[in-house]
Amino acid sequence: MPDEFDLIAQLRQRAETRAPVEIGIGDDAAVLHHPHPTREVVTTDMLMDGVDFRWGEAPPELIGRKCLAVNLSDLAAMGARPTAAFVSVALPRTFPGQQIERMFQGLFDLAEEFEVVIAGGDTNSWDGPLVVSITAMGDVTEHGAVLRSGARPGDSIYVTGACGGSLQGRHLTFTPRVREALWLQHQFPLHAMIDISDGFAADLHHILDESGVGAIISGEIVPVHADIPSDWSAEQRLTAALSDGEDFELLFTTPVSDLPNSCLNAHPQTPITKVGVVTAEPGCWLRSESSGLAPLPKLGWKHALG
């Protein structure tokens, strides 16, 4: 495995510098400069071997890619345009250098796709599993940041793409919905938005709790991903779509009740589906033809602490 300084030198050669990064890798800290007053969004995620991926079961490039992609998905959920990222890694002492290079290759490839500058970070080694922590930054557009707390009674609830079955491998290969978020924000008023990481139902509850509102979801309309086994019952497939998580699709509310059925700027075009409505009365309900209205609990992933 290369030593810390060899690795930093390699990363520095790969890292491009563009606005707002004035000084990137090479000093004790990066220097960022904005020629015009603007607000920034900052997010951070820590991913660990054995929790968010399994080293040895997935190509290192996809692991590196995911580590950055989850941060870009958070920026997308805020309606922000990604600009820079800071990457810190705790590497197992036994890692071969070639595997490390492949992991960073996947990370840098995604950074280049979204014009993100890798502006710094830290490296260390230890006897534990691989840990990657990334802090990413993005510019707030002229439309402002989209928060979880802005949903209003009467809003329509939409979701991009389809949900469920991500652990079949899609959680490593998804494309963060940055382009879709910026296009939607430019075209329509967005009141609230979140990316689906913990699960459709769990993340919908985050919006409802922060906004002090309720929702009714139409179960037959929720887009179920083809990764969910087709031989499961309709109820099982819907439950998976509502609870699996790591779809990294956008769930958002808007007063517009008739959006186009796809994001026209995405390649290929990303479907958009209206799945429900925001209500003034708190509570989350699932409507189906067979059972009518039933409570929709916070189905999804919960991080156990301690």
C-alpha atoms as a PDB file:
ATOM      1  CA  MET A   1       0.000   0.000   0.000  1.00  0.00           C
ATOM      2  CA  PRO A   2       1.443   3.468  -0.849  1.00  0.00           C
ATOM      3  CA  ASP A   3       2.208   5.716   2.085  1.00  0.00           C
ATOM      4  CA  GLU A   4       0.045   8.722   2.886  1.00  0.00           C
ATOM      5  CA  PHE A   5       2.164  11.237   0.982  1.00  0.00           C
ATOM      6  CA  ASP A   6       2.391   9.079  -2.136  1.00  0.00           C
ATOM      7  CA  LEU A   7      -1.392   8.722  -2.117  1.00  0.00           C
ATOM      8  CA  ILE A   8      -1.942  12.458  -1.629  1.00  0.00           C
ATOM      9  CA  ALA A   9       0.455  13.193  -4.487  1.00  0.00           C
ATOM     10  CA  GLN A  10      -1.459  10.840  -6.765  1.00  0.00           C
ATOM     11  CA  LEU A  11      -4.794  12.401  -5.822  1.00  0.00           C
ATOM     12  CA  ARG A  12      -3.407  15.907  -6.285  1.00  0.00           C
ATOM     13  CA  GLN A  13      -2.380  15.074  -9.841  1.00  0.00           C
ATOM     14  CA  ARG A  14      -5.908  13.938 -10.615  1.00  0.00           C
ATOM     15  CA  ALA A  15      -7.780  16.771  -8.923  1.00  0.00           C
ATOM     16  CA  GLU A  16      -8.714  19.660 -11.183  1.00  0.00           C
ATOM     17  CA  THR A  17      -9.295  23.159  -9.837  1.00  0.00           C
ATOM     18  CA  ARG A  18     -12.230  25.283 -10.914  1.00  0.00           C
ATOM     19  CA  ALA A  19     -14.509  27.827  -9.261  1.00  0.00           C
ATOM     20  CA  PRO A  20     -15.243  28.154  -6.419  1.00  0.00           C
ATOM     21  CA  VAL A  21     -12.013  26.309  -5.485  1.00  0.00           C
ATOM     22  CA  GLU A  22      -9.061  28.694  -5.760  1.00  0.00           C
ATOM     23  CA  ILE A  23      -6.514  26.563  -3.906  1.00  0.00           C
ATOM     24  CA  GLY A  24      -7.114  22.813  -3.671  1.00  0.00           C
ATOM     25  CA  ILE A  25      -5.003  19.876  -2.501  1.00  0.00           C
ATOM     26  CA  GLY A  26      -1.471  20.756  -1.399  1.00  0.00           C
ATOM     27  CA  ASP A  27      -1.835  23.128   1.568  1.00  0.00           C
ATOM     28  CA  ASP A  28      -3.197  22.742   5.076  1.00  0.00           C
ATOM     29  CA  ALA A  29      -6.632  23.809   3.864  1.00  0.00           C
ATOM     30  CA  ALA A  30      -8.427  24.667   0.663  1.00  0.00           C
ATOM     31  CA  VAL A  31      -9.260  28.217  -0.399  1.00  0.00           C
ATOM     32  CA  LEU A  32     -12.672  28.820  -1.925  1.00  0.00           C
ATOM     33  CA  HIS A  33     -13.667  32.074  -3.579  1.00  0.00           C
ATOM     34  CA  HIS A  34     -17.078  33.211  -4.767  1.00  0.00           C
ATOM     35  CA  PRO A  35     -17.032  36.260  -7.047  1.00  0.00           C
ATOM     36  CA  HIS A  36     -20.678  36.924  -6.248  1.00  0.00           C
ATOM     37  CA  PRO A  37     -22.551  36.631  -2.949  1.00  0.00           C
ATOM     38  CA  THR A  38     -24.206  33.238  -2.717  1.00  0.00           C
ATOM     39  CA  ARG A  39     -25.291  30.764  -0.106  1.00  0.00           C
ATOM     40  CA  GLU A  40     -23.808  27.296   0.071  1.00  0.00           C
ATOM     41  CA  VAL A  41     -25.130  23.922   1.116  1.00  0.00           C
ATOM     42  CA  VAL A  42     -22.757  21.598   2.968  1.00  0.00           C
ATOM     43  CA  THR A  43     -23.365  17.901   3.606  1.00  0.00           C
ATOM     44  CA  THR A  44     -21.308  15.019   4.946  1.00  0.00           C
ATOM     45  CA  ASP A  45     -21.668  11.254   4.874  1.00  0.00           C
ATOM     46  CA  MET A  46     -19.566   8.474   6.377  1.00  0.00           C
ATOM     47  CA  LEU A  47     -19.715   5.068   4.671  1.00  0.00           C
ATOM     48  CA  MET A  48     -18.301   1.889   6.167  1.00  0.00           C
ATOM     49  CA  ASP A  49     -17.377  -1.529   4.897  1.00  0.00           C
ATOM     50  CA  GLY A  50     -19.916  -4.044   6.155  1.00  0.00           C
ATOM     51  CA  VAL A  51     -22.684  -1.452   6.474  1.00  0.00           C
ATOM     52  CA  ASP A  52     -22.922   0.568   3.259  1.00  0.00           C
ATOM     53  CA  PHE A  53     -20.978  -1.812   1.003  1.00  0.00           C
ATOM     54  CA  ARG A  54     -19.015  -5.049   1.257  1.00  0.00           C
ATOM     55  CA  TRP A  55     -15.410  -4.878   0.166  1.00  0.00           C
ATOM     56  CA  GLY A  56     -14.552  -7.897  -1.952  1.00  0.00           C
ATOM     57  CA  GLU A  57     -18.134  -8.345  -3.161  1.00  0.00           C
ATOM     58  CA  ALA A  58     -18.254  -5.212  -5.327  1.00  0.00           C
ATOM     59  CA  PRO A  59     -15.727  -3.594  -7.664  1.00  0.00           C
ATOM     60  CA  PRO A  60     -13.657  -0.949  -5.847  1.00  0.00           C
ATOM     61  CA  GLU A  61     -14.678   1.611  -8.486  1.00  0.00           C
ATOM     62  CA  LEU A  62     -18.350   1.250  -7.545  1.00  0.00           C
ATOM     63  CA  ILE A  63     -17.551   1.608  -3.853  1.00  0.00           C
ATOM     64  CA  GLY A  64     -15.679   4.854  -4.458  1.00  0.00           C
ATOM     65  CA  ARG A  65     -18.459   6.041  -6.735  1.00  0.00           C
ATOM     66  CA  LYS A  66     -21.158   5.411  -4.133  1.00  0.00           C
ATOM     67  CA  CYS A  67     -19.229   7.246  -1.436  1.00  0.00           C
ATOM     68  CA  LEU A  68     -19.443  10.454  -3.447  1.00  0.00           C
ATOM     69  CA  ALA A  69     -22.853   9.754  -5.009  1.00  0.00           C
ATOM     70  CA  VAL A  70     -24.687   9.721  -1.663  1.00  0.00           C
ATOM     71  CA  ASN A  71     -23.371  13.214  -0.946  1.00  0.00           C
ATOM     72  CA  LEU A  72     -24.384  14.500  -4.359  1.00  0.00           C
ATOM     73  CA  SER A  73     -27.836  13.025  -3.765  1.00  0.00           C
ATOM     74  CA  ASP A  74     -28.126  15.088  -0.571  1.00  0.00           C
ATOM     75  CA  LEU A  75     -27.171  18.237  -2.475  1.00  0.00           C
ATOM     76  CA  ALA A  76     -29.754  17.370  -5.128  1.00  0.00           C
ATOM     77  CA  ALA A  77     -32.407  17.056  -2.420  1.00  0.00           C
ATOM     78  CA  MET A  78     -31.638  20.639  -1.387  1.00  0.00           C
ATOM     79  CA  GLY A  79     -31.786  21.900  -4.962  1.00  0.00           C
ATOM     80  CA  ALA A  80     -28.089  22.801  -4.866  1.00  0.00           C
ATOM     81  CA  ARG A  81     -25.492  22.681  -7.630  1.00  0.00           C
ATOM     82  CA  PRO A  82     -22.452  20.605  -6.474  1.00  0.00           C
ATOM     83  CA  THR A  83     -19.094  22.366  -6.515  1.00  0.00           C
ATOM     84  CA  ALA A  84     -16.489  20.734  -4.258  1.00  0.00           C
ATOM     85  CA  ALA A  85     -15.875  17.722  -2.040  1.00  0.00           C
ATOM     86  CA  PHE A  86     -13.405  16.781   0.705  1.00  0.00           C
ATOM     87  CA  VAL A  87     -12.565  13.085   1.018  1.00  0.00           C
ATOM     88  CA  SER A  88     -11.221  11.449   4.181  1.00  0.00           C
ATOM     89  CA  VAL A  89     -10.429   7.748   4.284  1.00  0.00           C
ATOM     90  CA  ALA A  90      -9.402   5.276   6.978  1.00  0.00           C
ATOM     91  CA  LEU A  91      -7.690   2.482   5.048  1.00  0.00           C
ATOM     92  CA  PRO A  92      -7.082  -1.039   6.366  1.00  0.00           C
ATOM     93  CA  ARG A  93      -3.340  -1.566   6.674  1.00  0.00           C
ATOM     94  CA  THR A  94      -3.528  -4.673   4.495  1.00  0.00           C
ATOM     95  CA  PHE A  95      -5.156  -2.953   1.494  1.00  0.00           C
ATOM     96  CA  PRO A  96      -3.205  -3.366  -1.758  1.00  0.00           C
ATOM     97  CA  GLY A  97      -2.380  -0.087  -3.453  1.00  0.00           C
ATOM     98  CA  GLN A  98      -4.004  -1.093  -6.729  1.00  0.00           C
ATOM     99  CA  GLN A  99      -7.357  -1.564  -5.006  1.00  0.00           C
ATOM    100  CA  ILE A 100      -7.117   1.896  -3.434  1.00  0.00           C
ATOM    101  CA  GLU A 101      -6.383   3.435  -6.826  1.00  0.00           C
ATOM    102  CA  ARG A 102      -9.406   1.694  -8.330  1.00  0.00           C
ATOM    103  CA  MET A 103     -11.644   2.982  -5.543  1.00  0.00           C
ATOM    104  CA  PHE A 104     -10.505   6.555  -6.118  1.00  0.00           C
ATOM    105  CA  GLN A 105     -10.910   6.064  -9.877  1.00  0.00           C
ATOM    106  CA  GLY A 106     -14.629   5.487  -9.394  1.00  0.00           C
ATOM    107  CA  LEU A 107     -14.892   8.491  -7.098  1.00  0.00           C
ATOM    108  CA  PHE A 108     -13.046  10.817  -9.476  1.00  0.00           C
ATOM    109  CA  ASP A 109     -15.029   9.601 -12.482  1.00  0.00           C
ATOM    110  CA  LEU A 110     -18.283  10.635 -10.815  1.00  0.00           C
ATOM    111  CA  ALA A 111     -16.740  13.927  -9.655  1.00  0.00           C
ATOM    112  CA  GLU A 112     -15.793  14.738 -13.244  1.00  0.00           C
ATOM    113  CA  GLU A 113     -19.280  13.830 -14.483  1.00  0.00           C
ATOM    114  CA  PHE A 114     -20.821  16.449 -12.188  1.00  0.00           C
ATOM    115  CA  GLU A 115     -17.923  18.949 -12.352  1.00  0.00           C
ATOM    116  CA  VAL A 116     -17.080  18.537  -8.673  1.00  0.00           C
ATOM    117  CA  VAL A 117     -13.602  19.533  -7.496  1.00  0.00           C
ATOM    118  CA  ILE A 118     -11.970  17.130  -5.038  1.00  0.00           C
ATOM    119  CA  ALA A 119     -10.446  19.926  -2.976  1.00  0.00           C
ATOM    120  CA  GLY A 120      -8.871  18.122  -0.028  1.00  0.00           C
ATOM    121  CA  GLY A 121      -9.424  15.649   2.776  1.00  0.00           C
ATOM    122  CA  ASP A 122      -7.341  13.310   4.910  1.00  0.00           C
ATOM    123  CA  THR A 123      -5.924   9.791   4.830  1.00  0.00           C
ATOM    124  CA  ASN A 124      -5.100   7.382   7.597  1.00  0.00           C
ATOM    125  CA  SER A 125      -4.671   3.659   8.121  1.00  0.00           C
ATOM    126  CA  TRP A 126      -5.790   1.327  10.896  1.00  0.00           C
ATOM    127  CA  ASP A 127      -6.629  -2.280  11.711  1.00  0.00           C
ATOM    128  CA  GLY A 128     -10.368  -1.824  11.119  1.00  0.00           C
ATOM    129  CA  PRO A 129     -12.466  -1.898   7.944  1.00  0.00           C
ATOM    130  CA  LEU A 130     -12.495   0.704   5.201  1.00  0.00           C
ATOM    131  CA  VAL A 131     -14.210   3.961   6.207  1.00  0.00           C
ATOM    132  CA  VAL A 132     -14.824   6.816   3.766  1.00  0.00           C
ATOM    133  CA  SER A 133     -16.114  10.188   4.951  1.00  0.00           C
ATOM    134  CA  ILE A 134     -16.919  12.872   2.395  1.00  0.00           C
ATOM    135  CA  THR A 135     -17.996  16.462   2.918  1.00  0.00           C
ATOM    136  CA  ALA A 136     -19.545  17.998  -0.192  1.00  0.00           C
ATOM    137  CA  MET A 137     -20.527  21.568  -0.983  1.00  0.00           C
ATOM    138  CA  GLY A 138     -22.966  23.073  -3.432  1.00  0.00           C
ATOM    139  CA  ASP A 139     -24.237  26.467  -4.501  1.00  0.00           C
ATOM    140  CA  VAL A 140     -27.806  27.451  -3.743  1.00  0.00           C
ATOM    141  CA  THR A 141     -29.504  28.568  -6.953  1.00  0.00           C
ATOM    142  CA  GLU A 142     -31.490  31.751  -7.398  1.00  0.00           C
ATOM    143  CA  HIS A 143     -34.586  29.777  -6.398  1.00  0.00           C
ATOM    144  CA  GLY A 144     -33.239  29.117  -2.895  1.00  0.00           C
ATOM    145  CA  ALA A 145     -32.637  25.888  -1.001  1.00  0.00           C
ATOM    146  CA  VAL A 146     -35.459  23.352  -0.931  1.00  0.00           C
ATOM    147  CA  LEU A 147     -36.110  22.216   2.644  1.00  0.00           C
ATOM    148  CA  ARG A 148     -38.049  19.364   4.215  1.00  0.00           C
ATOM    149  CA  SER A 149     -40.182  21.837   6.130  1.00  0.00           C
ATOM    150  CA  GLY A 150     -42.003  23.567   3.281  1.00  0.00           C
ATOM    151  CA  ALA A 151     -44.786  21.110   2.391  1.00  0.00           C
ATOM    152  CA  ARG A 152     -48.248  22.701   2.465  1.00  0.00           C
ATOM    153  CA  PRO A 153     -51.772  21.283   2.538  1.00  0.00           C
ATOM    154  CA  GLY A 154     -52.988  20.675  -0.985  1.00  0.00           C
ATOM    155  CA  ASP A 155     -49.507  20.056  -2.399  1.00  0.00           C
ATOM    156  CA  SER A 156     -49.105  17.136  -4.745  1.00  0.00           C
ATOM    157  CA  ILE A 157     -46.469  14.552  -3.802  1.00  0.00           C
ATOM    158  CA  TYR A 158     -44.174  13.252  -6.537  1.00  0.00           C
ATOM    159  CA  VAL A 159     -41.287  10.802  -6.781  1.00  0.00           C
ATOM    160  CA  THR A 160     -38.635  10.403  -9.460  1.00  0.00           C
ATOM    161  CA  GLY A 161     -37.774   6.999 -10.877  1.00  0.00           C
ATOM    162  CA  ALA A 162     -38.934   3.832  -9.126  1.00  0.00           C
ATOM    163  CA  CYS A 163     -38.422   2.415  -5.647  1.00  0.00           C
ATOM    164  CA  GLY A 164     -37.386  -0.846  -4.003  1.00  0.00           C
ATOM    165  CA  GLY A 165     -34.906  -3.644  -4.609  1.00  0.00           C
ATOM    166  CA  SER A 166     -31.824  -1.430  -4.465  1.00  0.00           C
ATOM    167  CA  LEU A 167     -29.730  -4.053  -2.651  1.00  0.00           C
ATOM    168  CA  GLN A 168     -29.745  -6.114  -5.845  1.00  0.00           C
ATOM    169  CA  GLY A 169     -26.877  -3.777  -6.776  1.00  0.00           C
ATOM    170  CA  ARG A 170     -28.503  -0.493  -7.742  1.00  0.00           C
ATOM    171  CA  HIS A 171     -27.407   1.136  -4.467  1.00  0.00           C
ATOM    172  CA  LEU A 172     -23.872   1.071  -5.893  1.00  0.00           C
ATOM    173  CA  THR A 173     -24.675   2.274  -9.402  1.00  0.00           C
ATOM    174  CA  PHE A 174     -27.413   4.892  -9.016  1.00  0.00           C
ATOM    175  CA  THR A 175     -27.009   8.320 -10.583  1.00  0.00           C
ATOM    176  CA  PRO A 176     -27.693  11.136  -8.098  1.00  0.00           C
ATOM    177  CA  ARG A 177     -30.654  13.191  -9.310  1.00  0.00           C
ATOM    178  CA  VAL A 178     -28.731  16.469  -9.479  1.00  0.00           C
ATOM    179  CA  ARG A 179     -29.777  17.359 -13.021  1.00  0.00           C
ATOM    180  CA  GLU A 180     -33.375  16.445 -12.303  1.00  0.00           C
ATOM    181  CA  ALA A 181     -33.486  18.539  -9.130  1.00  0.00           C
ATOM    182  CA  LEU A 182     -32.076  21.614 -10.837  1.00  0.00           C
ATOM    183  CA  TRP A 183     -34.445  21.226 -13.777  1.00  0.00           C
ATOM    184  CA  LEU A 184     -37.482  20.763 -11.543  1.00  0.00           C
ATOM    185  CA  GLN A 185     -36.523  23.732  -9.394  1.00  0.00           C
ATOM    186  CA  HIS A 186     -36.106  25.916 -12.462  1.00  0.00           C
ATOM    187  CA  GLN A 187     -39.422  24.858 -13.988  1.00  0.00           C
ATOM    188  CA  PHE A 188     -41.774  24.532 -11.003  1.00  0.00           C
ATOM    189  CA  PRO A 189     -42.177  25.783  -7.415  1.00  0.00           C
ATOM    190  CA  LEU A 190     -40.880  23.089  -5.073  1.00  0.00           C
ATOM    191  CA  HIS A 191     -42.134  23.362  -1.512  1.00  0.00           C
ATOM    192  CA  ALA A 192     -40.278  20.425   0.093  1.00  0.00           C
ATOM    193  CA  MET A 193     -37.869  17.728  -1.051  1.00  0.00           C
ATOM    194  CA  ILE A 194     -35.805  14.815   0.279  1.00  0.00           C
ATOM    195  CA  ASP A 195     -33.786  12.012  -1.264  1.00  0.00           C
ATOM    196  CA  ILE A 196     -34.925   8.472  -0.530  1.00  0.00           C
ATOM    197  CA  SER A 197     -32.080   6.916   1.445  1.00  0.00           C
ATOM    198  CA  ASP A 198     -33.837   5.360   4.450  1.00  0.00           C
ATOM    199  CA  GLY A 199     -36.964   4.321   2.523  1.00  0.00           C
ATOM    200  CA  PHE A 200     -39.915   5.981   0.771  1.00  0.00           C
ATOM    201  CA  ALA A 201     -42.191   5.834   3.828  1.00  0.00           C
ATOM    202  CA  ALA A 202     -39.527   6.813   6.358  1.00  0.00           C
ATOM    203  CA  ASP A 203     -38.334   9.764   4.295  1.00  0.00           C
ATOM    204  CA  LEU A 204     -41.884  10.902   3.548  1.00  0.00           C
ATOM    205  CA  HIS A 205     -42.451  11.004   7.312  1.00  0.00           C
ATOM    206  CA  HIS A 206     -39.381  13.257   7.636  1.00  0.00           C
ATOM    207  CA  ILE A 207     -41.057  15.794   5.349  1.00  0.00           C
ATOM    208  CA  LEU A 208     -44.399  15.502   7.135  1.00  0.00           C
ATOM    209  CA  ASP A 209     -42.850  15.848  10.595  1.00  0.00           C
ATOM    210  CA  GLU A 210     -40.766  18.869   9.616  1.00  0.00           C
ATOM    211  CA  SER A 211     -43.700  20.523   7.814  1.00  0.00           C
ATOM    212  CA  GLY A 212     -46.380  19.749  10.415  1.00  0.00           C
ATOM    213  CA  VAL A 213     -48.708  18.219   7.824  1.00  0.00           C
ATOM    214  CA  GLY A 214     -50.059  14.819   6.791  1.00  0.00           C
ATOM    215  CA  ALA A 215     -50.331  12.852   3.550  1.00  0.00           C
ATOM    216  CA  ILE A 216     -52.384  10.317   1.664  1.00  0.00           C
ATOM    217  CA  ILE A 217     -50.423   8.029  -0.674  1.00  0.00           C
ATOM    218  CA  SER A 218     -52.084   6.034  -3.467  1.00  0.00           C
ATOM    219  CA  GLY A 219     -50.573   2.569  -3.198  1.00  0.00           C
ATOM    220  CA  GLU A 220     -51.458   1.449  -6.712  1.00  0.00           C
ATOM    221  CA  ILE A 221     -49.546   4.402  -8.191  1.00  0.00           C
ATOM    222  CA  VAL A 222     -46.251   4.103  -6.260  1.00  0.00           C
ATOM    223  CA  PRO A 223     -43.660   3.130  -8.907  1.00  0.00           C
ATOM    224  CA  VAL A 224     -42.270  -0.304  -8.038  1.00  0.00           C
ATOM    225  CA  HIS A 225     -38.799  -0.991  -9.409  1.00  0.00           C
ATOM    226  CA  ALA A 226     -38.193  -3.994 -11.657  1.00  0.00           C
ATOM    227  CA  ASP A 227     -35.433  -5.105  -9.281  1.00  0.00           C
ATOM    228  CA  ILE A 228     -38.126  -6.344  -6.892  1.00  0.00           C
ATOM    229  CA  PRO A 229     -38.892 -10.006  -7.756  1.00  0.00           C
ATOM    230  CA  SER A 230     -41.867 -10.208 -10.094  1.00  0.00           C
ATOM    231  CA  ASP A 231     -43.148 -13.420  -8.472  1.00  0.00           C
ATOM    232  CA  TRP A 232     -43.818 -11.625  -5.173  1.00  0.00           C
ATOM    233  CA  SER A 233     -47.387 -10.645  -4.399  1.00  0.00           C
ATOM    234  CA  ALA A 234     -48.515  -7.096  -5.184  1.00  0.00           C
ATOM    235  CA  GLU A 235     -48.597  -6.358  -1.451  1.00  0.00           C
ATOM    236  CA  GLN A 236     -45.052  -7.643  -0.921  1.00  0.00           C
ATOM    237  CA  ARG A 237     -43.737  -5.643  -3.865  1.00  0.00           C
ATOM    238  CA  LEU A 238     -45.400  -2.440  -2.639  1.00  0.00           C
ATOM    239  CA  THR A 239     -44.044  -2.956   0.886  1.00  0.00           C
ATOM    240  CA  ALA A 240     -40.540  -3.343  -0.554  1.00  0.00           C
ATOM    241  CA  ALA A 241     -40.950  -0.181  -2.633  1.00  0.00           C
ATOM    242  CA  LEU A 242     -42.039   1.742   0.449  1.00  0.00           C
ATOM    243  CA  SER A 243     -39.386   0.407   2.815  1.00  0.00           C
ATOM    244  CA  ASP A 244     -36.216  -0.897   1.120  1.00  0.00           C
ATOM    245  CA  GLY A 245     -34.347   2.410   0.982  1.00  0.00           C
ATOM    246  CA  GLU A 246     -31.126   3.403  -0.791  1.00  0.00           C
ATOM    247  CA  ASP A 247     -33.103   4.245  -3.933  1.00  0.00           C
ATOM    248  CA  PHE A 248     -31.711   7.798  -3.871  1.00  0.00           C
ATOM    249  CA  GLU A 249     -34.693   9.071  -5.808  1.00  0.00           C
ATOM    250  CA  LEU A 250     -36.236  12.465  -5.071  1.00  0.00           C
ATOM    251  CA  LEU A 251     -39.478  12.726  -3.130  1.00  0.00           C
ATOM    252  CA  PHE A 252     -40.938  16.226  -3.339  1.00  0.00           C
ATOM    253  CA  THR A 253     -44.068  18.340  -2.980  1.00  0.00           C
ATOM    254  CA  THR A 254     -45.314  21.111  -5.212  1.00  0.00           C
ATOM    255  CA  PRO A 255     -48.560  23.060  -5.643  1.00  0.00           C
ATOM    256  CA  VAL A 256     -48.530  21.997  -9.306  1.00  0.00           C
ATOM    257  CA  SER A 257     -50.914  19.063  -9.713  1.00  0.00           C
ATOM    258  CA  ASP A 258     -50.011  18.149 -13.285  1.00  0.00           C
ATOM    259  CA  LEU A 259     -46.252  17.847 -13.845  1.00  0.00           C
ATOM    260  CA  PRO A 260     -44.861  16.198 -16.993  1.00  0.00           C
ATOM    261  CA  ASN A 261     -44.296  12.478 -16.598  1.00  0.00           C
ATOM    262  CA  SER A 262     -40.526  12.783 -16.966  1.00  0.00           C
ATOM    263  CA  CYS A 263     -37.627  15.162 -16.358  1.00  0.00           C
ATOM    264  CA  LEU A 264     -36.982  16.365 -19.876  1.00  0.00           C
ATOM    265  CA  ASN A 265     -33.329  17.242 -19.317  1.00  0.00           C
ATOM    266  CA  ALA A 266     -32.229  13.828 -18.043  1.00  0.00           C
ATOM    267  CA  HIS A 267     -30.607  11.294 -20.335  1.00  0.00           C
ATOM    268  CA  PRO A 268     -32.389   8.971 -20.432  1.00  0.00           C
ATOM    269  CA  GLN A 269     -35.432  10.870 -19.285  1.00  0.00           C
ATOM    270  CA  THR A 270     -36.222  10.202 -15.623  1.00  0.00           C
ATOM    271  CA  PRO A 271     -39.853   9.324 -14.880  1.00  0.00           C
ATOM    272  CA  ILE A 272     -41.844  11.490 -12.456  1.00  0.00           C
ATOM    273  CA  THR A 273     -44.896  10.012 -10.753  1.00  0.00           C
ATOM    274  CA  LYS A 274     -47.573  11.740  -8.700  1.00  0.00           C
ATOM    275  CA  VAL A 275     -48.128   9.435  -5.717  1.00  0.00           C
ATOM    276  CA  GLY A 276     -50.254  11.410  -3.276  1.00  0.00           C
ATOM    277  CA  VAL A 277     -51.375  14.642  -1.704  1.00  0.00           C
ATOM    278  CA  VAL A 278     -50.422  16.645   1.382  1.00  0.00           C
ATOM    279  CA  THR A 279     -53.176  17.091   3.963  1.00  0.00           C
ATOM    280  CA  ALA A 280     -53.644  19.669   6.709  1.00  0.00           C
ATOM    281  CA  GLU A 281     -54.431  16.961   9.255  1.00  0.00           C
ATOM    282  CA  PRO A 282     -51.268  15.239  10.543  1.00  0.00           C
ATOM    283  CA  GLY A 283     -50.846  11.550   9.854  1.00  0.00           C
ATOM    284  CA  CYS A 284     -49.675   9.413   6.954  1.00  0.00           C
ATOM    285  CA  TRP A 285     -52.126   7.149   5.150  1.00  0.00           C
ATOM    286  CA  LEU A 286     -51.914   4.589   2.376  1.00  0.00           C
ATOM    287  CA  ARG A 287     -54.930   4.228   0.112  1.00  0.00           C
ATOM    288  CA  SER A 288     -55.595   0.980  -1.761  1.00  0.00           C
ATOM    289  CA  GLU A 289     -58.584  -0.336  -3.661  1.00  0.00           C
ATOM    290  CA  SER A 290     -58.704  -3.475  -1.540  1.00  0.00           C
ATOM    291  CA  SER A 291     -58.444  -2.069   1.995  1.00  0.00           C
ATOM    292  CA  GLY A 292     -59.219   1.642   1.665  1.00  0.00           C
ATOM    293  CA  LEU A 293     -57.226   3.929   3.963  1.00  0.00           C
ATOM    294  CA  ALA A 294     -54.668   2.413   6.349  1.00  0.00           C
ATOM    295  CA  PRO A 295     -51.885   4.047   8.380  1.00  0.00           C
ATOM    296  CA  LEU A 296     -48.514   4.130   6.628  1.00  0.00           C
ATOM    297  CA  PRO A 297     -45.825   3.807   9.324  1.00  0.00           C
ATOM    298  CA  LYS A 298     -42.193   4.875   9.073  1.00  0.00           C
ATOM    299  CA  LEU A 299     -41.104   1.810   7.100  1.00  0.00           C
ATOM    300  CA  GLY A 300     -37.397   1.832   6.297  1.00  0.00           C
ATOM    301  CA  TRP A 301     -33.874   1.735   7.620  1.00  0.00           C
ATOM    302  CA  LYS A 302     -33.059   2.884  11.131  1.00  0.00           C
ATOM    303  CA  HIS A 303     -29.470   3.319  12.300  1.00  0.00           C
ATOM    304  CA  ALA A 304     -28.960   1.587  15.642  1.00  0.00           C
ATOM    305  CA  LEU A 305     -26.673   3.605  17.917  1.00  0.00           C
ATOM    306  CA  GLY A 306     -25.101   1.802  20.835  1.00  0.00           C
END
